[in-house]
PDB file of N, CA and C in Angstrom:
ATOM      1  N   MET A   1      58.414 206.756 188.758  1.00  0.00           N
ATOM      2  CA  MET A   1      57.078 206.671 189.324  1.00  0.00           C
ATOM      3  C   MET A   1      56.069 206.590 188.184  1.00  0.00           C
ATOM      4  N   ASN A   2      55.075 205.739 188.378  1.00  0.00           N
ATOM      5  CA  ASN A   2      53.980 205.615 187.423  1.00  0.00           C
ATOM      6  C   ASN A   2      52.705 206.174 188.035  1.00  0.00           C
ATOM      7  N   TYR A   3      51.748 206.440 187.179  1.00  0.00           N
ATOM      8  CA  TYR A   3      50.443 206.940 187.595  1.00  0.00           C
ATOM      9  C   TYR A   3      49.382 205.988 187.065  1.00  0.00           C
ATOM     10  N   TRP A   4      48.356 205.740 187.889  1.00  0.00           N
ATOM     11  CA  TRP A   4      47.344 204.749 187.565  1.00  0.00           C
ATOM     12  C   TRP A   4      45.954 205.326 187.781  1.00  0.00           C
ATOM     13  N   LEU A   5      44.971 204.666 187.195  1.00  0.00           N
ATOM     14  CA  LEU A   5      43.560 204.993 187.411  1.00  0.00           C
ATOM     15  C   LEU A   5      42.911 203.785 188.075  1.00  0.00           C
ATOM     16  N   LEU A   6      42.367 203.979 189.264  1.00  0.00           N
ATOM     17  CA  LEU A   6      41.656 202.922 189.982  1.00  0.00           C
ATOM     18  C   LEU A   6      40.200 203.304 190.093  1.00  0.00           C
ATOM     19  N   LYS A   7      39.320 202.390 189.697  1.00  0.00           N
ATOM     20  CA  LYS A   7      37.903 202.724 189.756  1.00  0.00           C
ATOM     21  C   LYS A   7      37.208 201.903 190.829  1.00  0.00           C
ATOM     22  N   SER A   8      36.237 202.520 191.435  1.00  0.00           N
ATOM     23  CA  SER A   8      35.443 201.851 192.449  1.00  0.00           C
ATOM     24  C   SER A   8      34.033 202.413 192.415  1.00  0.00           C
ATOM     25  N   GLU A   9      33.089 201.542 192.679  1.00  0.00           N
ATOM     26  CA  GLU A   9      31.717 202.009 192.839  1.00  0.00           C
ATOM     27  C   GLU A   9      31.621 202.627 194.230  1.00  0.00           C
ATOM     28  N   PRO A  10      31.140 203.855 194.352  1.00  0.00           N
ATOM     29  CA  PRO A  10      31.107 204.489 195.664  1.00  0.00           C
ATOM     30  C   PRO A  10      30.218 203.775 196.680  1.00  0.00           C
ATOM     31  N   ASP A  11      29.279 202.969 196.208  1.00  0.00           N
ATOM     32  CA  ASP A  11      28.453 202.222 197.159  1.00  0.00           C
ATOM     33  C   ASP A  11      29.132 200.910 197.587  1.00  0.00           C
ATOM     34  N   VAL A  12      30.280 200.572 196.960  1.00  0.00           N
ATOM     35  CA  VAL A  12      31.062 199.397 197.351  1.00  0.00           C
ATOM     36  C   VAL A  12      32.265 199.839 198.190  1.00  0.00           C
ATOM     37  N   TRP A  13      33.053 200.779 197.666  1.00  0.00           N
ATOM     38  CA  TRP A  13      34.190 201.365 198.401  1.00  0.00           C
ATOM     39  C   TRP A  13      34.341 202.802 197.932  1.00  0.00           C
ATOM     40  N   SER A  14      34.042 203.738 198.812  1.00  0.00           N
ATOM     41  CA  SER A  14      34.039 205.157 198.454  1.00  0.00           C
ATOM     42  C   SER A  14      35.333 205.837 198.901  1.00  0.00           C
ATOM     43  N   ILE A  15      35.527 207.031 198.394  1.00  0.00           N
ATOM     44  CA  ILE A  15      36.684 207.828 198.825  1.00  0.00           C
ATOM     45  C   ILE A  15      36.584 208.139 200.314  1.00  0.00           C
ATOM     46  N   GLU A  16      35.380 208.267 200.824  1.00  0.00           N
ATOM     47  CA  GLU A  16      35.198 208.519 202.260  1.00  0.00           C
ATOM     48  C   GLU A  16      35.675 207.324 203.084  1.00  0.00           C
ATOM     49  N   GLN A  17      35.373 206.123 202.623  1.00  0.00           N
ATOM     50  CA  GLN A  17      35.858 204.924 203.313  1.00  0.00           C
ATOM     51  C   GLN A  17      37.376 204.844 203.240  1.00  0.00           C
ATOM     52  N   GLN A  18      37.931 205.227 202.093  1.00  0.00           N
ATOM     53  CA  GLN A  18      39.384 205.234 201.948  1.00  0.00           C
ATOM     54  C   GLN A  18      40.003 206.218 202.942  1.00  0.00           C
ATOM     55  N   LYS A  19      39.387 207.381 203.095  1.00  0.00           N
ATOM     56  CA  LYS A  19      39.891 208.378 204.055  1.00  0.00           C
ATOM     57  C   LYS A  19      39.858 207.832 205.479  1.00  0.00           C
ATOM     58  N   LYS A  20      38.770 207.141 205.828  1.00  0.00           N
ATOM     59  CA  LYS A  20      38.626 206.598 207.180  1.00  0.00           C
ATOM     60  C   LYS A  20      39.653 205.525 207.493  1.00  0.00           C
ATOM     61  N   ALA A  21      40.230 204.914 206.464  1.00  0.00           N
ATOM     62  CA  ALA A  21      41.258 203.888 206.687  1.00  0.00           C
ATOM     63  C   ALA A  21      42.485 204.487 207.360  1.00  0.00           C
ATOM     64  N   GLY A  22      42.675 205.796 207.200  1.00  0.00           N
ATOM     65  CA  GLY A  22      43.764 206.491 207.877  1.00  0.00           C
ATOM     66  C   GLY A  22      45.149 206.092 207.395  1.00  0.00           C
ATOM     67  N   PRO A  23      46.153 206.317 208.244  1.00  0.00           N
ATOM     68  CA  PRO A  23      47.542 206.104 207.830  1.00  0.00           C
ATOM     69  C   PRO A  23      47.918 204.653 207.566  1.00  0.00           C
ATOM     70  N   LYS A  24      47.128 203.709 208.054  1.00  0.00           N
ATOM     71  CA  LYS A  24      47.430 202.292 207.771  1.00  0.00           C
ATOM     72  C   LYS A  24      47.043 201.915 206.347  1.00  0.00           C
ATOM     73  N   GLY A  25      46.251 202.760 205.687  1.00  0.00           N
ATOM     74  CA  GLY A  25      45.831 202.486 204.318  1.00  0.00           C
ATOM     75  C   GLY A  25      44.737 201.436 204.258  1.00  0.00           C
ATOM     76  N   ALA A  26      44.394 201.030 203.055  1.00  0.00           N
ATOM     77  CA  ALA A  26      43.365 200.016 202.834  1.00  0.00           C
ATOM     78  C   ALA A  26      43.772 199.148 201.654  1.00  0.00           C
ATOM     79  N   MET A  27      43.409 197.882 201.726  1.00  0.00           N
ATOM     80  CA  MET A  27      43.732 196.971 200.633  1.00  0.00           C
ATOM     81  C   MET A  27      42.799 197.199 199.454  1.00  0.00           C
ATOM     82  N   TRP A  28      43.370 197.147 198.269  1.00  0.00           N
ATOM     83  CA  TRP A  28      42.593 197.242 197.031  1.00  0.00           C
ATOM     84  C   TRP A  28      42.376 195.810 196.569  1.00  0.00           C
ATOM     85  N   ASP A  29      41.170 195.295 196.830  1.00  0.00           N
ATOM     86  CA  ASP A  29      40.913 193.886 196.548  1.00  0.00           C
ATOM     87  C   ASP A  29      39.732 193.733 195.604  1.00  0.00           C
ATOM     88  N   GLY A  30      39.375 192.499 195.324  1.00  0.00           N
ATOM     89  CA  GLY A  30      38.232 192.225 194.462  1.00  0.00           C
ATOM     90  C   GLY A  30      38.522 192.358 192.980  1.00  0.00           C
ATOM     91  N   VAL A  31      39.791 192.427 192.596  1.00  0.00           N
ATOM     92  CA  VAL A  31      40.151 192.591 191.187  1.00  0.00           C
ATOM     93  C   VAL A  31      40.014 191.243 190.487  1.00  0.00           C
ATOM     94  N   ARG A  32      39.110 191.163 189.519  1.00  0.00           N
ATOM     95  CA  ARG A  32      38.869 189.919 188.795  1.00  0.00           C
ATOM     96  C   ARG A  32      39.301 190.005 187.326  1.00  0.00           C
ATOM     97  N   ASN A  33      39.439 191.204 186.816  1.00  0.00           N
ATOM     98  CA  ASN A  33      39.820 191.405 185.428  1.00  0.00           C
ATOM     99  C   ASN A  33      41.309 191.094 185.253  1.00  0.00           C
ATOM    100  N   TYR A  34      41.616 190.272 184.244  1.00  0.00           N
ATOM    101  CA  TYR A  34      42.985 189.829 184.011  1.00  0.00           C
ATOM    102  C   TYR A  34      43.938 191.000 183.785  1.00  0.00           C
ATOM    103  N   GLN A  35      43.557 191.947 182.929  1.00  0.00           N
ATOM    104  CA  GLN A  35      44.435 193.086 182.641  1.00  0.00           C
ATOM    105  C   GLN A  35      44.607 193.971 183.868  1.00  0.00           C
ATOM    106  N   ALA A  36      43.539 194.166 184.620  1.00  0.00           N
ATOM    107  CA  ALA A  36      43.642 194.971 185.844  1.00  0.00           C
ATOM    108  C   ALA A  36      44.587 194.306 186.844  1.00  0.00           C
ATOM    109  N   ALA A  37      44.524 192.974 186.938  1.00  0.00           N
ATOM    110  CA  ALA A  37      45.435 192.256 187.834  1.00  0.00           C
ATOM    111  C   ALA A  37      46.883 192.424 187.376  1.00  0.00           C
ATOM    112  N   ASN A  38      47.110 192.405 186.067  1.00  0.00           N
ATOM    113  CA  ASN A  38      48.460 192.657 185.557  1.00  0.00           C
ATOM    114  C   ASN A  38      48.932 194.051 185.931  1.00  0.00           C
ATOM    115  N   ASN A  39      48.032 195.024 185.881  1.00  0.00           N
ATOM    116  CA  ASN A  39      48.396 196.380 186.279  1.00  0.00           C
ATOM    117  C   ASN A  39      48.749 196.430 187.767  1.00  0.00           C
ATOM    118  N   LEU A  40      48.007 195.693 188.591  1.00  0.00           N
ATOM    119  CA  LEU A  40      48.339 195.645 190.020  1.00  0.00           C
ATOM    120  C   LEU A  40      49.769 195.128 190.213  1.00  0.00           C
ATOM    121  N   LYS A  41      50.150 194.116 189.446  1.00  0.00           N
ATOM    122  CA  LYS A  41      51.505 193.564 189.549  1.00  0.00           C
ATOM    123  C   LYS A  41      52.557 194.607 189.211  1.00  0.00           C
ATOM    124  N   ASP A  42      52.219 195.521 188.306  1.00  0.00           N
ATOM    125  CA  ASP A  42      53.177 196.538 187.866  1.00  0.00           C
ATOM    126  C   ASP A  42      53.255 197.742 188.802  1.00  0.00           C
ATOM    127  N   MET A  43      52.295 197.887 189.704  1.00  0.00           N
ATOM    128  CA  MET A  43      52.298 199.036 190.623  1.00  0.00           C
ATOM    129  C   MET A  43      53.442 198.895 191.620  1.00  0.00           C
ATOM    130  N   LYS A  44      54.133 199.984 191.837  1.00  0.00           N
ATOM    131  CA  LYS A  44      55.268 200.011 192.762  1.00  0.00           C
ATOM    132  C   LYS A  44      54.965 200.949 193.922  1.00  0.00           C
ATOM    133  N   LYS A  45      55.577 200.651 195.045  1.00  0.00           N
ATOM    134  CA  LYS A  45      55.422 201.498 196.229  1.00  0.00           C
ATOM    135  C   LYS A  45      55.783 202.934 195.858  1.00  0.00           C
ATOM    136  N   GLY A  46      54.896 203.859 196.205  1.00  0.00           N
ATOM    137  CA  GLY A  46      55.108 205.266 195.896  1.00  0.00           C
ATOM    138  C   GLY A  46      54.377 205.750 194.663  1.00  0.00           C
ATOM    139  N   ASP A  47      53.926 204.817 193.803  1.00  0.00           N
ATOM    140  CA  ASP A  47      53.141 205.218 192.636  1.00  0.00           C
ATOM    141  C   ASP A  47      51.853 205.901 193.087  1.00  0.00           C
ATOM    142  N   LEU A  48      51.389 206.835 192.284  1.00  0.00           N
ATOM    143  CA  LEU A  48      50.149 207.549 192.589  1.00  0.00           C
ATOM    144  C   LEU A  48      49.026 207.063 191.686  1.00  0.00           C
ATOM    145  N   CYS A  49      47.804 207.097 192.221  1.00  0.00           N
ATOM    146  CA  CYS A  49      46.642 206.604 191.495  1.00  0.00           C
ATOM    147  C   CYS A  49      45.483 207.582 191.630  1.00  0.00           C
ATOM    148  N   PHE A  50      44.847 207.881 190.514  1.00  0.00           N
ATOM    149  CA  PHE A  50      43.577 208.604 190.573  1.00  0.00           C
ATOM    150  C   PHE A  50      42.519 207.638 191.096  1.00  0.00           C
ATOM    151  N   PHE A  51      41.731 208.078 192.050  1.00  0.00           N
ATOM    152  CA  PHE A  51      40.641 207.274 192.614  1.00  0.00           C
ATOM    153  C   PHE A  51      39.362 207.740 191.930  1.00  0.00           C
ATOM    154  N   TYR A  52      38.813 206.873 191.108  1.00  0.00           N
ATOM    155  CA  TYR A  52      37.692 207.224 190.235  1.00  0.00           C
ATOM    156  C   TYR A  52      36.422 206.520 190.692  1.00  0.00           C
ATOM    157  N   HIS A  53      35.365 207.296 190.926  1.00  0.00           N
ATOM    158  CA  HIS A  53      34.055 206.718 191.202  1.00  0.00           C
ATOM    159  C   HIS A  53      33.368 206.470 189.867  1.00  0.00           C
ATOM    160  N   SER A  54      33.104 205.204 189.562  1.00  0.00           N
ATOM    161  CA  SER A  54      32.478 204.850 188.291  1.00  0.00           C
ATOM    162  C   SER A  54      30.978 204.617 188.496  1.00  0.00           C
ATOM    163  N   ASN A  55      30.270 204.724 187.431  1.00  0.00           N
ATOM    164  CA  ASN A  55      28.812 204.557 187.383  1.00  0.00           C
ATOM    165  C   ASN A  55      28.056 205.621 188.177  1.00  0.00           C
ATOM    166  N   ILE A  56      28.331 205.763 189.458  1.00  0.00           N
ATOM    167  CA  ILE A  56      27.675 206.797 190.260  1.00  0.00           C
ATOM    168  C   ILE A  56      28.669 207.945 190.408  1.00  0.00           C
ATOM    169  N   GLY A  57      28.364 209.083 189.852  1.00  0.00           N
ATOM    170  CA  GLY A  57      29.256 210.230 189.941  1.00  0.00           C
ATOM    171  C   GLY A  57      30.177 210.370 188.748  1.00  0.00           C
ATOM    172  N   LYS A  58      30.797 209.287 188.341  1.00  0.00           N
ATOM    173  CA  LYS A  58      31.714 209.272 187.200  1.00  0.00           C
ATOM    174  C   LYS A  58      32.717 210.421 187.240  1.00  0.00           C
ATOM    175  N   GLU A  59      33.530 210.400 188.303  1.00  0.00           N
ATOM    176  CA  GLU A  59      34.524 211.466 188.436  1.00  0.00           C
ATOM    177  C   GLU A  59      35.703 210.998 189.286  1.00  0.00           C
ATOM    178  N   ILE A  60      36.833 211.639 189.078  1.00  0.00           N
ATOM    179  CA  ILE A  60      37.992 211.409 189.930  1.00  0.00           C
ATOM    180  C   ILE A  60      37.742 212.172 191.223  1.00  0.00           C
ATOM    181  N   VAL A  61      37.809 211.449 192.355  1.00  0.00           N
ATOM    182  CA  VAL A  61      37.449 212.053 193.640  1.00  0.00           C
ATOM    183  C   VAL A  61      38.634 212.187 194.588  1.00  0.00           C
ATOM    184  N   GLY A  62      39.791 211.687 194.178  1.00  0.00           N
ATOM    185  CA  GLY A  62      40.964 211.801 195.033  1.00  0.00           C
ATOM    186  C   GLY A  62      42.177 211.155 194.402  1.00  0.00           C
ATOM    187  N   ILE A  63      43.281 211.277 195.096  1.00  0.00           N
ATOM    188  CA  ILE A  63      44.535 210.659 194.677  1.00  0.00           C
ATOM    189  C   ILE A  63      45.023 209.806 195.841  1.00  0.00           C
ATOM    190  N   VAL A  64      45.403 208.559 195.531  1.00  0.00           N
ATOM    191  CA  VAL A  64      45.933 207.651 196.539  1.00  0.00           C
ATOM    192  C   VAL A  64      47.340 207.230 196.137  1.00  0.00           C
ATOM    193  N   LYS A  65      48.087 206.725 197.118  1.00  0.00           N
ATOM    194  CA  LYS A  65      49.460 206.299 196.879  1.00  0.00           C
ATOM    195  C   LYS A  65      49.583 204.820 197.227  1.00  0.00           C
ATOM    196  N   VAL A  66      50.320 204.077 196.417  1.00  0.00           N
ATOM    197  CA  VAL A  66      50.582 202.669 196.701  1.00  0.00           C
ATOM    198  C   VAL A  66      51.574 202.606 197.862  1.00  0.00           C
ATOM    199  N   ILE A  67      51.177 201.925 198.958  1.00  0.00           N
ATOM    200  CA  ILE A  67      52.078 201.797 200.107  1.00  0.00           C
ATOM    201  C   ILE A  67      52.541 200.356 200.314  1.00  0.00           C
ATOM    202  N   LYS A  68      51.921 199.419 199.587  1.00  0.00           N
ATOM    203  CA  LYS A  68      52.383 198.027 199.590  1.00  0.00           C
ATOM    204  C   LYS A  68      52.091 197.447 198.221  1.00  0.00           C
ATOM    205  N   GLU A  69      53.115 196.862 197.623  1.00  0.00           N
ATOM    206  CA  GLU A  69      52.973 196.322 196.270  1.00  0.00           C
ATOM    207  C   GLU A  69      52.113 195.063 196.266  1.00  0.00           C
ATOM    208  N   ALA A  70      51.777 194.602 195.073  1.00  0.00           N
ATOM    209  CA  ALA A  70      50.865 193.469 194.885  1.00  0.00           C
ATOM    210  C   ALA A  70      51.290 192.254 195.703  1.00  0.00           C
ATOM    211  N   PHE A  71      50.307 191.607 196.309  1.00  0.00           N
ATOM    212  CA  PHE A  71      50.530 190.371 197.042  1.00  0.00           C
ATOM    213  C   PHE A  71      49.288 189.501 196.902  1.00  0.00           C
ATOM    214  N   ILE A  72      49.435 188.224 197.167  1.00  0.00           N
ATOM    215  CA  ILE A  72      48.328 187.279 197.030  1.00  0.00           C
ATOM    216  C   ILE A  72      47.266 187.590 198.082  1.00  0.00           C
ATOM    217  N   ASP A  73      46.019 187.590 197.652  1.00  0.00           N
ATOM    218  CA  ASP A  73      44.887 187.787 198.554  1.00  0.00           C
ATOM    219  C   ASP A  73      44.820 186.587 199.500  1.00  0.00           C
ATOM    220  N   PRO A  74      45.014 186.805 200.804  1.00  0.00           N
ATOM    221  CA  PRO A  74      45.026 185.675 201.735  1.00  0.00           C
ATOM    222  C   PRO A  74      43.684 184.946 201.845  1.00  0.00           C
ATOM    223  N   THR A  75      42.611 185.549 201.373  1.00  0.00           N
ATOM    224  CA  THR A  75      41.301 184.892 201.434  1.00  0.00           C
ATOM    225  C   THR A  75      41.006 184.071 200.184  1.00  0.00           C
ATOM    226  N   ASP A  76      41.900 184.114 199.191  1.00  0.00           N
ATOM    227  CA  ASP A  76      41.692 183.403 197.935  1.00  0.00           C
ATOM    228  C   ASP A  76      42.272 181.993 198.026  1.00  0.00           C
ATOM    229  N   LYS A  77      41.410 181.007 198.019  1.00  0.00           N
ATOM    230  CA  LYS A  77      41.851 179.615 198.140  1.00  0.00           C
ATOM    231  C   LYS A  77      42.679 179.157 196.938  1.00  0.00           C
ATOM    232  N   LYS A  78      42.411 179.705 195.746  1.00  0.00           N
ATOM    233  CA  LYS A  78      43.173 179.329 194.549  1.00  0.00           C
ATOM    234  C   LYS A  78      44.534 180.027 194.499  1.00  0.00           C
ATOM    235  N   ARG A  79      44.693 181.056 195.300  1.00  0.00           N
ATOM    236  CA  ARG A  79      45.946 181.822 195.380  1.00  0.00           C
ATOM    237  C   ARG A  79      46.298 182.501 194.062  1.00  0.00           C
ATOM    238  N   ASP A  80      45.269 182.961 193.323  1.00  0.00           N
ATOM    239  CA  ASP A  80      45.588 183.651 192.080  1.00  0.00           C
ATOM    240  C   ASP A  80      45.033 185.075 192.040  1.00  0.00           C
ATOM    241  N   LEU A  81      44.380 185.515 193.115  1.00  0.00           N
ATOM    242  CA  LEU A  81      43.891 186.895 193.166  1.00  0.00           C
ATOM    243  C   LEU A  81      44.930 187.768 193.860  1.00  0.00           C
ATOM    244  N   LEU A  82      45.138 188.939 193.288  1.00  0.00           N
ATOM    245  CA  LEU A  82      46.115 189.869 193.839  1.00  0.00           C
ATOM    246  C   LEU A  82      45.436 191.085 194.428  1.00  0.00           C
ATOM    247  N   LEU A  83      46.115 191.731 195.334  1.00  0.00           N
ATOM    248  CA  LEU A  83      45.681 193.029 195.833  1.00  0.00           C
ATOM    249  C   LEU A  83      46.893 193.843 196.188  1.00  0.00           C
ATOM    250  N   CYS A  84      46.694 195.125 196.395  1.00  0.00           N
ATOM    251  CA  CYS A  84      47.776 195.984 196.864  1.00  0.00           C
ATOM    252  C   CYS A  84      47.192 196.850 197.969  1.00  0.00           C
ATOM    253  N   LYS A  85      47.998 197.659 198.591  1.00  0.00           N
ATOM    254  CA  LYS A  85      47.534 198.488 199.685  1.00  0.00           C
ATOM    255  C   LYS A  85      47.736 199.945 199.322  1.00  0.00           C
ATOM    256  N   LEU A  86      46.708 200.762 199.586  1.00  0.00           N
ATOM    257  CA  LEU A  86      46.712 202.171 199.180  1.00  0.00           C
ATOM    258  C   LEU A  86      46.491 203.087 200.367  1.00  0.00           C
ATOM    259  N   LEU A  87      47.072 204.249 200.285  1.00  0.00           N
ATOM    260  CA  LEU A  87      46.925 205.291 201.293  1.00  0.00           C
ATOM    261  C   LEU A  87      46.425 206.551 200.627  1.00  0.00           C
ATOM    262  N   LEU A  88      45.438 207.193 201.224  1.00  0.00           N
ATOM    263  CA  LEU A  88      44.908 208.437 200.675  1.00  0.00           C
ATOM    264  C   LEU A  88      45.883 209.554 200.940  1.00  0.00           C
TER     265      LEU A  88
END
């Protein structure tokens, strides 16, 4: 098992929104940074991630678990954006 740090702006996607996603989890999308996308590819089901609020708050606010490994973002016409699915 690996451990990861995932950052989000709380006004874009907060830990509260992640909690509301419930047992179905929520997709971690919008990753544009090349290295971050490589990290998404390396995440495995069951890996744990610190959920970090950046810029506003600047703190780890929870721990999430990868419940679906990286897959192509179905809304990406170029088919090069990845996302994974996380559960609080």
